[in-house]
Amino acid sequence: MLTSQMTSAILGIGLAGAILFLVRRDHLHGPFAIWWFAVAAATFVLGVFPGVVVWLGHATGIVYAPVLPIIIGLSLVLIRLLKLDIDRSKQERQIRRLTQKLAILEQELDRLEGRPARDARLDDDS
């Protein structure tokens, strides 16, 4: 019969294996893989050494120690979501700037070739 500790350790190893597979297939890039390896390692350590949860609970003043991994996990998910939103905002800003630069270059090309200026709002290519 599997205990919760054994299940956690197996999940940690399985997650690490899946991350390695994704990195080798170029589906997951380095910085993201490091983040997920940390999650896999933490899952494995908590499975192999369940006393760590109790020790951390006492060290942080949490009376019911088993809730600590849930609090940490939820906090990490929220931090990760915030990072994703920041990255998405940065990409949207870059796309907007690239679109503006492309429009300027197209207008300059039209001017150099002697074509009449295009109305960007009526352009079917956008």
C-alpha atoms as a PDB file:
ATOM      1  CA  MET A   1       0.000   0.000   0.000  1.00  0.00           C
ATOM      2  CA  LEU A   2       1.298   3.438  -0.940  1.00  0.00           C
ATOM      3  CA  THR A   3       1.560   6.041   1.756  1.00  0.00           C
ATOM      4  CA  SER A   4       1.162   9.740   1.107  1.00  0.00           C
ATOM      5  CA  GLN A   5       4.926  10.166   1.541  1.00  0.00           C
ATOM      6  CA  MET A   6       5.689   7.489  -1.068  1.00  0.00           C
ATOM      7  CA  THR A   7       3.131   8.992  -3.439  1.00  0.00           C
ATOM      8  CA  SER A   8       4.690  12.429  -3.038  1.00  0.00           C
ATOM      9  CA  ALA A   9       8.189  11.073  -3.686  1.00  0.00           C
ATOM     10  CA  ILE A  10       6.994   9.183  -6.778  1.00  0.00           C
ATOM     11  CA  LEU A  11       5.225  12.309  -8.064  1.00  0.00           C
ATOM     12  CA  GLY A  12       8.424  14.322  -7.568  1.00  0.00           C
ATOM     13  CA  ILE A  13      10.465  11.800  -9.554  1.00  0.00           C
ATOM     14  CA  GLY A  14       7.785  11.565 -12.247  1.00  0.00           C
ATOM     15  CA  LEU A  15       7.604  15.345 -12.547  1.00  0.00           C
ATOM     16  CA  ALA A  16      11.387  15.585 -12.879  1.00  0.00           C
ATOM     17  CA  GLY A  17      11.310  12.909 -15.594  1.00  0.00           C
ATOM     18  CA  ALA A  18       8.560  14.737 -17.470  1.00  0.00           C
ATOM     19  CA  ILE A  19      10.532  17.986 -17.276  1.00  0.00           C
ATOM     20  CA  LEU A  20      13.647  16.296 -18.666  1.00  0.00           C
ATOM     21  CA  PHE A  21      11.575  14.859 -21.512  1.00  0.00           C
ATOM     22  CA  LEU A  22      10.073  18.270 -22.317  1.00  0.00           C
ATOM     23  CA  VAL A  23      13.482  19.966 -22.240  1.00  0.00           C
ATOM     24  CA  ARG A  24      15.003  17.328 -24.540  1.00  0.00           C
ATOM     25  CA  ARG A  25      12.126  17.714 -27.013  1.00  0.00           C
ATOM     26  CA  ASP A  26      12.571  21.514 -26.869  1.00  0.00           C
ATOM     27  CA  HIS A  27       9.052  22.046 -25.522  1.00  0.00           C
ATOM     28  CA  LEU A  28      10.311  23.709 -22.336  1.00  0.00           C
ATOM     29  CA  HIS A  29      13.146  26.214 -22.145  1.00  0.00           C
ATOM     30  CA  GLY A  30      15.870  26.498 -19.508  1.00  0.00           C
ATOM     31  CA  PRO A  31      14.593  29.152 -17.112  1.00  0.00           C
ATOM     32  CA  PHE A  32      11.156  27.529 -16.979  1.00  0.00           C
ATOM     33  CA  ALA A  33      12.698  24.077 -16.508  1.00  0.00           C
ATOM     34  CA  ILE A  34      14.673  25.302 -13.490  1.00  0.00           C
ATOM     35  CA  TRP A  35      11.445  26.551 -11.887  1.00  0.00           C
ATOM     36  CA  TRP A  36       9.745  23.192 -12.447  1.00  0.00           C
ATOM     37  CA  PHE A  37      12.790  21.214 -11.265  1.00  0.00           C
ATOM     38  CA  ALA A  38      12.583  23.166  -7.994  1.00  0.00           C
ATOM     39  CA  VAL A  39       8.916  22.162  -7.692  1.00  0.00           C
ATOM     40  CA  ALA A  40       9.793  18.510  -8.406  1.00  0.00           C
ATOM     41  CA  ALA A  41      12.637  18.588  -5.871  1.00  0.00           C
ATOM     42  CA  ALA A  42      10.413  20.119  -3.197  1.00  0.00           C
ATOM     43  CA  THR A  43       7.737  17.493  -3.850  1.00  0.00           C
ATOM     44  CA  PHE A  44      10.324  14.721  -3.592  1.00  0.00           C
ATOM     45  CA  VAL A  45      11.927  16.117  -0.415  1.00  0.00           C
ATOM     46  CA  LEU A  46       8.563  16.517   1.313  1.00  0.00           C
ATOM     47  CA  GLY A  47       7.718  12.936   0.368  1.00  0.00           C
ATOM     48  CA  VAL A  48      11.004  11.437   1.578  1.00  0.00           C
ATOM     49  CA  PHE A  49      11.350  13.651   4.655  1.00  0.00           C
ATOM     50  CA  PRO A  50       7.822  14.387   5.959  1.00  0.00           C
ATOM     51  CA  GLY A  51       9.305  15.709   9.194  1.00  0.00           C
ATOM     52  CA  VAL A  52      10.439  18.791   7.278  1.00  0.00           C
ATOM     53  CA  VAL A  53       6.812  19.942   7.093  1.00  0.00           C
ATOM     54  CA  VAL A  54       6.379  19.630  10.859  1.00  0.00           C
ATOM     55  CA  TRP A  55       9.701  21.396  11.501  1.00  0.00           C
ATOM     56  CA  LEU A  56       8.824  24.241   9.104  1.00  0.00           C
ATOM     57  CA  GLY A  57       5.381  24.508  10.694  1.00  0.00           C
ATOM     58  CA  HIS A  58       6.858  24.941  14.151  1.00  0.00           C
ATOM     59  CA  ALA A  59       9.534  27.332  12.841  1.00  0.00           C
ATOM     60  CA  THR A  60       6.921  29.564  11.201  1.00  0.00           C
ATOM     61  CA  GLY A  61       4.429  29.353  14.040  1.00  0.00           C
ATOM     62  CA  ILE A  62       1.790  27.438  12.097  1.00  0.00           C
ATOM     63  CA  VAL A  63      -0.107  25.208  14.510  1.00  0.00           C
ATOM     64  CA  TYR A  64      -1.446  22.738  11.945  1.00  0.00           C
ATOM     65  CA  ALA A  65       1.744  21.956   9.991  1.00  0.00           C
ATOM     66  CA  PRO A  66       0.164  19.930   7.121  1.00  0.00           C
ATOM     67  CA  VAL A  67      -1.454  23.144   5.817  1.00  0.00           C
ATOM     68  CA  LEU A  68       2.015  24.643   5.196  1.00  0.00           C
ATOM     69  CA  PRO A  69       2.652  22.898   1.825  1.00  0.00           C
ATOM     70  CA  ILE A  70      -0.765  24.091   0.646  1.00  0.00           C
ATOM     71  CA  ILE A  71       0.012  27.690   1.643  1.00  0.00           C
ATOM     72  CA  ILE A  72       3.447  27.541  -0.001  1.00  0.00           C
ATOM     73  CA  GLY A  73       2.060  25.886  -3.132  1.00  0.00           C
ATOM     74  CA  LEU A  74      -0.728  28.424  -3.498  1.00  0.00           C
ATOM     75  CA  SER A  75       1.722  31.281  -2.956  1.00  0.00           C
ATOM     76  CA  LEU A  76       4.045  29.894  -5.636  1.00  0.00           C
ATOM     77  CA  VAL A  77       1.149  29.521  -8.079  1.00  0.00           C
ATOM     78  CA  LEU A  78       0.142  33.149  -7.484  1.00  0.00           C
ATOM     79  CA  ILE A  79       3.735  34.327  -7.955  1.00  0.00           C
ATOM     80  CA  ARG A  80       3.984  32.311 -11.170  1.00  0.00           C
ATOM     81  CA  LEU A  81       0.735  33.793 -12.478  1.00  0.00           C
ATOM     82  CA  LEU A  82       1.983  37.294 -11.716  1.00  0.00           C
ATOM     83  CA  LYS A  83       5.223  36.561 -13.597  1.00  0.00           C
ATOM     84  CA  LEU A  84       3.236  35.257 -16.579  1.00  0.00           C
ATOM     85  CA  ASP A  85       1.140  38.438 -16.650  1.00  0.00           C
ATOM     86  CA  ILE A  86       4.273  40.594 -16.484  1.00  0.00           C
ATOM     87  CA  ASP A  87       5.858  38.625 -19.345  1.00  0.00           C
ATOM     88  CA  ARG A  88       2.669  38.829 -21.413  1.00  0.00           C
ATOM     89  CA  SER A  89       2.471  42.594 -20.884  1.00  0.00           C
ATOM     90  CA  LYS A  90       6.095  42.938 -21.967  1.00  0.00           C
ATOM     91  CA  GLN A  91       5.438  40.876 -25.114  1.00  0.00           C
ATOM     92  CA  GLU A  92       2.333  42.898 -25.982  1.00  0.00           C
ATOM     93  CA  ARG A  93       4.353  46.113 -25.628  1.00  0.00           C
ATOM     94  CA  GLN A  94       7.070  44.683 -27.902  1.00  0.00           C
ATOM     95  CA  ILE A  95       4.478  43.595 -30.492  1.00  0.00           C
ATOM     96  CA  ARG A  96       2.885  47.050 -30.454  1.00  0.00           C
ATOM     97  CA  ARG A  97       6.277  48.714 -30.968  1.00  0.00           C
ATOM     98  CA  LEU A  98       7.207  46.307 -33.769  1.00  0.00           C
ATOM     99  CA  THR A  99       3.868  46.949 -35.472  1.00  0.00           C
ATOM    100  CA  GLN A 100       4.458  50.688 -35.288  1.00  0.00           C
ATOM    101  CA  LYS A 101       7.977  50.313 -36.693  1.00  0.00           C
ATOM    102  CA  LEU A 102       6.660  48.124 -39.516  1.00  0.00           C
ATOM    103  CA  ALA A 103       4.031  50.738 -40.400  1.00  0.00           C
ATOM    104  CA  ILE A 104       6.695  53.448 -40.478  1.00  0.00           C
ATOM    105  CA  LEU A 105       8.936  51.308 -42.700  1.00  0.00           C
ATOM    106  CA  GLU A 106       6.058  50.495 -45.069  1.00  0.00           C
ATOM    107  CA  GLN A 107       5.210  54.184 -45.334  1.00  0.00           C
ATOM    108  CA  GLU A 108       8.847  55.042 -46.047  1.00  0.00           C
ATOM    109  CA  LEU A 109       9.033  52.298 -48.695  1.00  0.00           C
ATOM    110  CA  ASP A 110       5.870  53.608 -50.358  1.00  0.00           C
ATOM    111  CA  ARG A 111       7.337  57.108 -50.352  1.00  0.00           C
ATOM    112  CA  LEU A 112      10.617  55.929 -51.899  1.00  0.00           C
ATOM    113  CA  GLU A 113       8.824  53.936 -54.595  1.00  0.00           C
ATOM    114  CA  GLY A 114       6.541  56.866 -55.409  1.00  0.00           C
ATOM    115  CA  ARG A 115       3.331  55.031 -54.497  1.00  0.00           C
ATOM    116  CA  PRO A 116       0.475  56.896 -52.859  1.00  0.00           C
ATOM    117  CA  ALA A 117       0.315  56.480 -49.087  1.00  0.00           C
ATOM    118  CA  ARG A 118      -1.874  53.661 -47.863  1.00  0.00           C
ATOM    119  CA  ASP A 119      -4.561  54.176 -45.266  1.00  0.00           C
ATOM    120  CA  ALA A 120      -3.676  51.736 -42.494  1.00  0.00           C
ATOM    121  CA  ARG A 121      -7.326  51.427 -41.489  1.00  0.00           C
ATOM    122  CA  LEU A 122      -8.328  50.223 -44.955  1.00  0.00           C
ATOM    123  CA  ASP A 123      -5.367  47.878 -45.449  1.00  0.00           C
ATOM    124  CA  ASP A 124      -6.518  44.264 -45.874  1.00  0.00           C
ATOM    125  CA  ASP A 125      -3.116  42.851 -44.810  1.00  0.00           C
ATOM    126  CA  SER A 126      -3.581  43.666 -41.120  1.00  0.00           C
END
